Structure formats: C-alpha cells, structure tokens
PDB file of N, CA and C in Angstrom:
ATOM      1  N   MET A   1     -77.931  30.948 -87.665  1.00  0.00           N
ATOM      2  CA  MET A   1     -77.841  31.971 -88.689  1.00  0.00           C
ATOM      3  C   MET A   1     -78.471  33.278 -88.215  1.00  0.00           C
ATOM      4  N   GLU A   2     -79.534  33.189 -87.432  1.00  0.00           N
ATOM      5  CA  GLU A   2     -80.212  34.403 -86.974  1.00  0.00           C
ATOM      6  C   GLU A   2     -79.287  35.278 -86.128  1.00  0.00           C
ATOM      7  N   ASN A   3     -78.428  34.654 -85.317  1.00  0.00           N
ATOM      8  CA  ASN A   3     -77.484  35.445 -84.523  1.00  0.00           C
ATOM      9  C   ASN A   3     -76.519  36.203 -85.415  1.00  0.00           C
ATOM     10  N   LEU A   4     -76.114  35.581 -86.511  1.00  0.00           N
ATOM     11  CA  LEU A   4     -75.217  36.262 -87.442  1.00  0.00           C
ATOM     12  C   LEU A   4     -75.891  37.479 -88.059  1.00  0.00           C
ATOM     13  N   LEU A   5     -77.172  37.365 -88.348  1.00  0.00           N
ATOM     14  CA  LEU A   5     -77.877  38.473 -88.998  1.00  0.00           C
ATOM     15  C   LEU A   5     -77.967  39.709 -88.107  1.00  0.00           C
ATOM     16  N   LYS A   6     -77.783  39.540 -86.808  1.00  0.00           N
ATOM     17  CA  LYS A   6     -77.776  40.694 -85.904  1.00  0.00           C
ATOM     18  C   LYS A   6     -76.563  41.583 -86.154  1.00  0.00           C
ATOM     19  N   ARG A   7     -75.594  41.070 -86.882  1.00  0.00           N
ATOM     20  CA  ARG A   7     -74.394  41.843 -87.207  1.00  0.00           C
ATOM     21  C   ARG A   7     -74.608  42.763 -88.408  1.00  0.00           C
ATOM     22  N   ILE A   8     -75.750  42.632 -89.070  1.00  0.00           N
ATOM     23  CA  ILE A   8     -76.061  43.434 -90.252  1.00  0.00           C
ATOM     24  C   ILE A   8     -77.114  44.471 -89.876  1.00  0.00           C
ATOM     25  N   THR A   9     -76.969  45.667 -90.407  1.00  0.00           N
ATOM     26  CA  THR A   9     -77.926  46.724 -90.108  1.00  0.00           C
ATOM     27  C   THR A   9     -78.386  47.416 -91.381  1.00  0.00           C
ATOM     28  N   LEU A  10     -79.608  47.930 -91.320  1.00  0.00           N
ATOM     29  CA  LEU A  10     -80.174  48.768 -92.379  1.00  0.00           C
ATOM     30  C   LEU A  10     -80.579  50.073 -91.707  1.00  0.00           C
ATOM     31  N   ASP A  11     -79.832  51.116 -91.956  1.00  0.00           N
ATOM     32  CA  ASP A  11     -80.083  52.400 -91.309  1.00  0.00           C
ATOM     33  C   ASP A  11     -80.001  53.493 -92.363  1.00  0.00           C
ATOM     34  N   PRO A  12     -81.089  54.240 -92.563  1.00  0.00           N
ATOM     35  CA  PRO A  12     -81.074  55.278 -93.597  1.00  0.00           C
ATOM     36  C   PRO A  12     -79.995  56.340 -93.375  1.00  0.00           C
ATOM     37  N   GLU A  13     -79.488  56.448 -92.158  1.00  0.00           N
ATOM     38  CA  GLU A  13     -78.442  57.426 -91.849  1.00  0.00           C
ATOM     39  C   GLU A  13     -77.037  56.911 -92.159  1.00  0.00           C
ATOM     40  N   ILE A  14     -76.934  55.617 -92.426  1.00  0.00           N
ATOM     41  CA  ILE A  14     -75.628  55.009 -92.698  1.00  0.00           C
ATOM     42  C   ILE A  14     -75.670  54.382 -94.083  1.00  0.00           C
ATOM     43  N   VAL A  15     -74.777  54.785 -94.934  1.00  0.00           N
ATOM     44  CA  VAL A  15     -74.665  54.329 -96.331  1.00  0.00           C
ATOM     45  C   VAL A  15     -76.026  54.212 -97.026  1.00  0.00           C
ATOM     46  N   HIS A  16     -76.849  55.242 -96.817  1.00  0.00           N
ATOM     47  CA  HIS A  16     -78.141  55.375 -97.510  1.00  0.00           C
ATOM     48  C   HIS A  16     -79.077  54.192 -97.286  1.00  0.00           C
ATOM     49  N   GLY A  17     -78.963  53.555 -96.132  1.00  0.00           N
ATOM     50  CA  GLY A  17     -79.875  52.470 -95.796  1.00  0.00           C
ATOM     51  C   GLY A  17     -79.554  51.135 -96.431  1.00  0.00           C
ATOM     52  N   LYS A  18     -78.407  51.048 -97.079  1.00  0.00           N
ATOM     53  CA  LYS A  18     -78.009  49.762 -97.670  1.00  0.00           C
ATOM     54  C   LYS A  18     -77.504  48.843 -96.561  1.00  0.00           C
ATOM     55  N   PRO A  19     -77.617  47.530 -96.750  1.00  0.00           N
ATOM     56  CA  PRO A  19     -77.145  46.597 -95.722  1.00  0.00           C
ATOM     57  C   PRO A  19     -75.651  46.787 -95.452  1.00  0.00           C
ATOM     58  N   ALA A  20     -75.329  46.987 -94.182  1.00  0.00           N
ATOM     59  CA  ALA A  20     -73.943  47.208 -93.773  1.00  0.00           C
ATOM     60  C   ALA A  20     -73.651  46.397 -92.519  1.00  0.00           C
ATOM     61  N   ILE A  21     -72.384  46.203 -92.267  1.00  0.00           N
ATOM     62  CA  ILE A  21     -71.975  45.504 -91.057  1.00  0.00           C
ATOM     63  C   ILE A  21     -72.118  46.469 -89.889  1.00  0.00           C
ATOM     64  N   ARG A  22     -72.838  46.029 -88.869  1.00  0.00           N
ATOM     65  CA  ARG A  22     -73.151  46.864 -87.710  1.00  0.00           C
ATOM     66  C   ARG A  22     -71.892  47.515 -87.136  1.00  0.00           C
ATOM     67  N   GLY A  23     -72.019  48.803 -86.841  1.00  0.00           N
ATOM     68  CA  GLY A  23     -70.920  49.545 -86.248  1.00  0.00           C
ATOM     69  C   GLY A  23     -69.879  50.020 -87.246  1.00  0.00           C
ATOM     70  N   THR A  24     -70.141  49.788 -88.537  1.00  0.00           N
ATOM     71  CA  THR A  24     -69.212  50.214 -89.584  1.00  0.00           C
ATOM     72  C   THR A  24     -70.008  50.853 -90.721  1.00  0.00           C
ATOM     73  N   ARG A  25     -69.293  51.323 -91.712  1.00  0.00           N
ATOM     74  CA  ARG A  25     -69.913  51.802 -92.945  1.00  0.00           C
ATOM     75  C   ARG A  25     -69.562  50.851 -94.093  1.00  0.00           C
ATOM     76  N   ILE A  26     -69.197  49.632 -93.744  1.00  0.00           N
ATOM     77  CA  ILE A  26     -68.793  48.631 -94.738  1.00  0.00           C
ATOM     78  C   ILE A  26     -70.034  47.904 -95.232  1.00  0.00           C
ATOM     79  N   LEU A  27     -70.262  47.996 -96.534  1.00  0.00           N
ATOM     80  CA  LEU A  27     -71.438  47.382 -97.137  1.00  0.00           C
ATOM     81  C   LEU A  27     -71.296  45.866 -97.236  1.00  0.00           C
ATOM     82  N   VAL A  28     -72.408  45.193 -97.028  1.00  0.00           N
ATOM     83  CA  VAL A  28     -72.459  43.746 -97.236  1.00  0.00           C
ATOM     84  C   VAL A  28     -72.034  43.436 -98.669  1.00  0.00           C
ATOM     85  N   SER A  29     -72.523  44.219 -99.613  1.00  0.00           N
ATOM     86  CA  SER A  29     -72.201  43.971-101.021  1.00  0.00           C
ATOM     87  C   SER A  29     -70.704  44.088-101.294  1.00  0.00           C
ATOM     88  N   SER A  30     -70.015  44.967-100.590  1.00  0.00           N
ATOM     89  CA  SER A  30     -68.564  45.094-100.778  1.00  0.00           C
ATOM     90  C   SER A  30     -67.848  43.816-100.364  1.00  0.00           C
ATOM     91  N   ILE A  31     -68.245  43.267 -99.227  1.00  0.00           N
ATOM     92  CA  ILE A  31     -67.618  42.033 -98.753  1.00  0.00           C
ATOM     93  C   ILE A  31     -67.924  40.889 -99.714  1.00  0.00           C
ATOM     94  N   LEU A  32     -69.157  40.829-100.200  1.00  0.00           N
ATOM     95  CA  LEU A  32     -69.521  39.779-101.156  1.00  0.00           C
ATOM     96  C   LEU A  32     -68.712  39.908-102.444  1.00  0.00           C
ATOM     97  N   GLU A  33     -68.451  41.133-102.874  1.00  0.00           N
ATOM     98  CA  GLU A  33     -67.642  41.346-104.079  1.00  0.00           C
ATOM     99  C   GLU A  33     -66.208  40.867-103.873  1.00  0.00           C
ATOM    100  N   TYR A  34     -65.654  41.129-102.693  1.00  0.00           N
ATOM    101  CA  TYR A  34     -64.308  40.621-102.399  1.00  0.00           C
ATOM    102  C   TYR A  34     -64.290  39.094-102.467  1.00  0.00           C
ATOM    103  N   LEU A  35     -65.285  38.460-101.850  1.00  0.00           N
ATOM    104  CA  LEU A  35     -65.349  36.998-101.866  1.00  0.00           C
ATOM    105  C   LEU A  35     -65.520  36.473-103.288  1.00  0.00           C
ATOM    106  N   ALA A  36     -66.404  37.104-104.049  1.00  0.00           N
ATOM    107  CA  ALA A  36     -66.639  36.678-105.431  1.00  0.00           C
ATOM    108  C   ALA A  36     -65.396  36.871-106.291  1.00  0.00           C
ATOM    109  N   GLY A  37     -64.592  37.850-105.929  1.00  0.00           N
ATOM    110  CA  GLY A  37     -63.358  38.110-106.662  1.00  0.00           C
ATOM    111  C   GLY A  37     -62.223  37.164-106.301  1.00  0.00           C
ATOM    112  N   GLY A  38     -62.485  36.276-105.352  1.00  0.00           N
ATOM    113  CA  GLY A  38     -61.492  35.273-105.005  1.00  0.00           C
ATOM    114  C   GLY A  38     -60.702  35.550-103.740  1.00  0.00           C
ATOM    115  N   ASP A  39     -60.981  36.669-103.075  1.00  0.00           N
ATOM    116  CA  ASP A  39     -60.275  36.946-101.824  1.00  0.00           C
ATOM    117  C   ASP A  39     -60.737  35.976-100.742  1.00  0.00           C
ATOM    118  N   SER A  40     -59.806  35.565 -99.914  1.00  0.00           N
ATOM    119  CA  SER A  40     -60.139  34.677 -98.801  1.00  0.00           C
ATOM    120  C   SER A  40     -60.639  35.509 -97.624  1.00  0.00           C
ATOM    121  N   VAL A  41     -61.239  34.831 -96.670  1.00  0.00           N
ATOM    122  CA  VAL A  41     -61.685  35.507 -95.457  1.00  0.00           C
ATOM    123  C   VAL A  41     -60.492  36.171 -94.778  1.00  0.00           C
ATOM    124  N   ASP A  42     -59.376  35.470 -94.706  1.00  0.00           N
ATOM    125  CA  ASP A  42     -58.180  36.041 -94.071  1.00  0.00           C
ATOM    126  C   ASP A  42     -57.701  37.297 -94.789  1.00  0.00           C
ATOM    127  N   GLU A  43     -57.762  37.305 -96.111  1.00  0.00           N
ATOM    128  CA  GLU A  43     -57.351  38.488 -96.871  1.00  0.00           C
ATOM    129  C   GLU A  43     -58.283  39.667 -96.586  1.00  0.00           C
ATOM    130  N   ILE A  44     -59.562  39.390 -96.496  1.00  0.00           N
ATOM    131  CA  ILE A  44     -60.533  40.453 -96.197  1.00  0.00           C
ATOM    132  C   ILE A  44     -60.295  40.997 -94.791  1.00  0.00           C
ATOM    133  N   LEU A  45     -60.034  40.109 -93.854  1.00  0.00           N
ATOM    134  CA  LEU A  45     -59.796  40.542 -92.474  1.00  0.00           C
ATOM    135  C   LEU A  45     -58.527  41.376 -92.353  1.00  0.00           C
ATOM    136  N   LYS A  46     -57.537  41.114 -93.189  1.00  0.00           N
ATOM    137  CA  LYS A  46     -56.327  41.942 -93.193  1.00  0.00           C
ATOM    138  C   LYS A  46     -56.622  43.328 -93.747  1.00  0.00           C
ATOM    139  N   GLU A  47     -57.508  43.394 -94.734  1.00  0.00           N
ATOM    140  CA  GLU A  47     -57.877  44.672 -95.358  1.00  0.00           C
ATOM    141  C   GLU A  47     -58.783  45.505 -94.447  1.00  0.00           C
ATOM    142  N   PHE A  48     -59.704  44.831 -93.761  1.00  0.00           N
ATOM    143  CA  PHE A  48     -60.672  45.496 -92.888  1.00  0.00           C
ATOM    144  C   PHE A  48     -60.438  45.012 -91.456  1.00  0.00           C
ATOM    145  N   LYS A  49     -59.498  45.622 -90.792  1.00  0.00           N
ATOM    146  CA  LYS A  49     -59.072  45.154 -89.467  1.00  0.00           C
ATOM    147  C   LYS A  49     -60.171  45.231 -88.410  1.00  0.00           C
ATOM    148  N   GLU A  50     -61.197  46.050 -88.660  1.00  0.00           N
ATOM    149  CA  GLU A  50     -62.283  46.176 -87.690  1.00  0.00           C
ATOM    150  C   GLU A  50     -63.294  45.032 -87.779  1.00  0.00           C
ATOM    151  N   LEU A  51     -63.174  44.183 -88.794  1.00  0.00           N
ATOM    152  CA  LEU A  51     -64.118  43.084 -88.975  1.00  0.00           C
ATOM    153  C   LEU A  51     -63.628  41.804 -88.320  1.00  0.00           C
ATOM    154  N   THR A  52     -64.582  40.900 -88.102  1.00  0.00           N
ATOM    155  CA  THR A  52     -64.281  39.568 -87.582  1.00  0.00           C
ATOM    156  C   THR A  52     -64.761  38.534 -88.600  1.00  0.00           C
ATOM    157  N   LYS A  53     -64.345  37.310 -88.391  1.00  0.00           N
ATOM    158  CA  LYS A  53     -64.802  36.223 -89.258  1.00  0.00           C
ATOM    159  C   LYS A  53     -66.327  36.132 -89.225  1.00  0.00           C
ATOM    160  N   GLU A  54     -66.916  36.357 -88.062  1.00  0.00           N
ATOM    161  CA  GLU A  54     -68.369  36.292 -87.932  1.00  0.00           C
ATOM    162  C   GLU A  54     -69.053  37.367 -88.769  1.00  0.00           C
ATOM    163  N   ASP A  55     -68.410  38.535 -88.919  1.00  0.00           N
ATOM    164  CA  ASP A  55     -68.970  39.583 -89.774  1.00  0.00           C
ATOM    165  C   ASP A  55     -69.035  39.115 -91.229  1.00  0.00           C
ATOM    166  N   ILE A  56     -67.994  38.435 -91.672  1.00  0.00           N
ATOM    167  CA  ILE A  56     -67.965  37.908 -93.045  1.00  0.00           C
ATOM    168  C   ILE A  56     -69.059  36.850 -93.212  1.00  0.00           C
ATOM    169  N   LEU A  57     -69.177  35.973 -92.230  1.00  0.00           N
ATOM    170  CA  LEU A  57     -70.223  34.946 -92.277  1.00  0.00           C
ATOM    171  C   LEU A  57     -71.611  35.583 -92.260  1.00  0.00           C
ATOM    172  N   ALA A  58     -71.755  36.688 -91.539  1.00  0.00           N
ATOM    173  CA  ALA A  58     -73.038  37.396 -91.507  1.00  0.00           C
ATOM    174  C   ALA A  58     -73.399  37.923 -92.890  1.00  0.00           C
ATOM    175  N   CYS A  59     -72.416  38.398 -93.631  1.00  0.00           N
ATOM    176  CA  CYS A  59     -72.671  38.869 -95.001  1.00  0.00           C
ATOM    177  C   CYS A  59     -73.169  37.721 -95.875  1.00  0.00           C
ATOM    178  N   LEU A  60     -72.556  36.565 -95.720  1.00  0.00           N
ATOM    179  CA  LEU A  60     -72.997  35.396 -96.486  1.00  0.00           C
ATOM    180  C   LEU A  60     -74.401  34.961 -96.071  1.00  0.00           C
ATOM    181  N   ALA A  61     -74.680  35.001 -94.779  1.00  0.00           N
ATOM    182  CA  ALA A  61     -76.010  34.632 -94.291  1.00  0.00           C
ATOM    183  C   ALA A  61     -77.059  35.595 -94.838  1.00  0.00           C
ATOM    184  N   TYR A  62     -76.740  36.881 -94.840  1.00  0.00           N
ATOM    185  CA  TYR A  62     -77.658  37.885 -95.379  1.00  0.00           C
ATOM    186  C   TYR A  62     -77.927  37.615 -96.860  1.00  0.00           C
ATOM    187  N   ALA A  63     -76.873  37.359 -97.610  1.00  0.00           N
ATOM    188  CA  ALA A  63     -77.023  37.092 -99.045  1.00  0.00           C
ATOM    189  C   ALA A  63     -77.867  35.848 -99.282  1.00  0.00           C
ATOM    190  N   SER A  64     -77.654  34.824 -98.489  1.00  0.00           N
ATOM    191  CA  SER A  64     -78.419  33.590 -98.631  1.00  0.00           C
ATOM    192  C   SER A  64     -79.908  33.838 -98.412  1.00  0.00           C
ATOM    193  N   LYS A  65     -80.227  34.559 -97.360  1.00  0.00           N
ATOM    194  CA  LYS A  65     -81.636  34.868 -97.077  1.00  0.00           C
ATOM    195  C   LYS A  65     -82.225  35.731 -98.188  1.00  0.00           C
ATOM    196  N   ALA A  66     -81.475  36.735 -98.616  1.00  0.00           N
ATOM    197  CA  ALA A  66     -81.981  37.666 -99.625  1.00  0.00           C
ATOM    198  C   ALA A  66     -82.225  36.972-100.958  1.00  0.00           C
ATOM    199  N   ILE A  67     -81.313  36.122-101.362  1.00  0.00           N
ATOM    200  CA  ILE A  67     -81.447  35.477-102.666  1.00  0.00           C
ATOM    201  C   ILE A  67     -82.577  34.453-102.673  1.00  0.00           C
ATOM    202  N   ASN A  68     -82.873  33.910-101.526  1.00  0.00           N
ATOM    203  CA  ASN A  68     -83.975  32.953-101.416  1.00  0.00           C
ATOM    204  C   ASN A  68     -85.297  33.639-101.102  1.00  0.00           C
ATOM    205  N   HIS A  69     -85.279  34.963-101.081  1.00  0.00           N
ATOM    206  CA  HIS A  69     -86.476  35.767-100.827  1.00  0.00           C
ATOM    207  C   HIS A  69     -87.154  35.383 -99.519  1.00  0.00           C
ATOM    208  N   GLN A  70     -86.351  35.007 -98.552  1.00  0.00           N
ATOM    209  CA  GLN A  70     -86.905  34.678 -97.249  1.00  0.00           C
ATOM    210  C   GLN A  70     -87.080  35.965 -96.465  1.00  0.00           C
ATOM    211  N   GLU A  71     -88.189  36.047 -95.764  1.00  0.00           N
ATOM    212  CA  GLU A  71     -88.410  37.226 -94.939  1.00  0.00           C
ATOM    213  C   GLU A  71     -87.615  37.095 -93.655  1.00  0.00           C
ATOM    214  N   PHE A  72     -86.990  38.186 -93.271  1.00  0.00           N
ATOM    215  CA  PHE A  72     -86.248  38.234 -92.031  1.00  0.00           C
ATOM    216  C   PHE A  72     -86.138  39.682 -91.618  1.00  0.00           C
ATOM    217  N   LYS A  73     -85.979  39.899 -90.338  1.00  0.00           N
ATOM    218  CA  LYS A  73     -85.906  41.258 -89.818  1.00  0.00           C
ATOM    219  C   LYS A  73     -84.467  41.609 -89.504  1.00  0.00           C
ATOM    220  N   ILE A  74     -84.088  42.808 -89.914  1.00  0.00           N
ATOM    221  CA  ILE A  74     -82.788  43.365 -89.575  1.00  0.00           C
ATOM    222  C   ILE A  74     -83.077  44.591 -88.720  1.00  0.00           C
ATOM    223  N   PRO A  75     -82.645  44.588 -87.469  1.00  0.00           N
ATOM    224  CA  PRO A  75     -82.936  45.733 -86.609  1.00  0.00           C
ATOM    225  C   PRO A  75     -82.157  46.966 -87.045  1.00  0.00           C
ATOM    226  N   ALA A  76     -82.739  48.123 -86.829  1.00  0.00           N
ATOM    227  CA  ALA A  76     -82.050  49.379 -87.111  1.00  0.00           C
ATOM    228  C   ALA A  76     -80.900  49.540 -86.129  1.00  0.00           C
ATOM    229  N   ALA A  77     -79.963  50.370 -86.489  1.00  0.00           N
ATOM    230  CA  ALA A  77     -78.779  50.588 -85.638  1.00  0.00           C
ATOM    231  C   ALA A  77     -79.158  51.186 -84.307  1.00  0.00           C
TER     232      ALA A  77
END
C-alpha cells in the first residue's frame, strides 16, 4: 500500500494543496466520487486517459488511511 501512496501528492501549488494524483491536477476526492457514484475503474480510465489502474487504487489506499486516521507521509511534488 505504501508504494501506491507515492502516487498521491499534497502540493500547495497544485489544486490548493488538496490530495491529487501525482503529475496531474486530478483530485483524489474526484476519483472517489466517481467510484461512489457507481463508475467502474474501466469507466474512470476511459474518462481520464492519463490515469492508470494503480492511480485509482492509490486513491482508495489514501482514503483508507485517512478514514482510519492513520499517520502517513505524502511527499511534496
């Protein structure tokens, strides 16, 4: 899971420091909303061609850590 978290970044210069997928301006919360809305990973990947399956899994890993209030480090971009 830790390797997946390297795909997430918190950078005040990118989307106001909100968690985003590294190298993009796509918010973790946006991907989670698509998943919660019933979109499949394949549907999300068709919509966001720059993403990979691992990026989607990284969003889920981030959410899991955050909701469990586990401490973890996200490196800046």
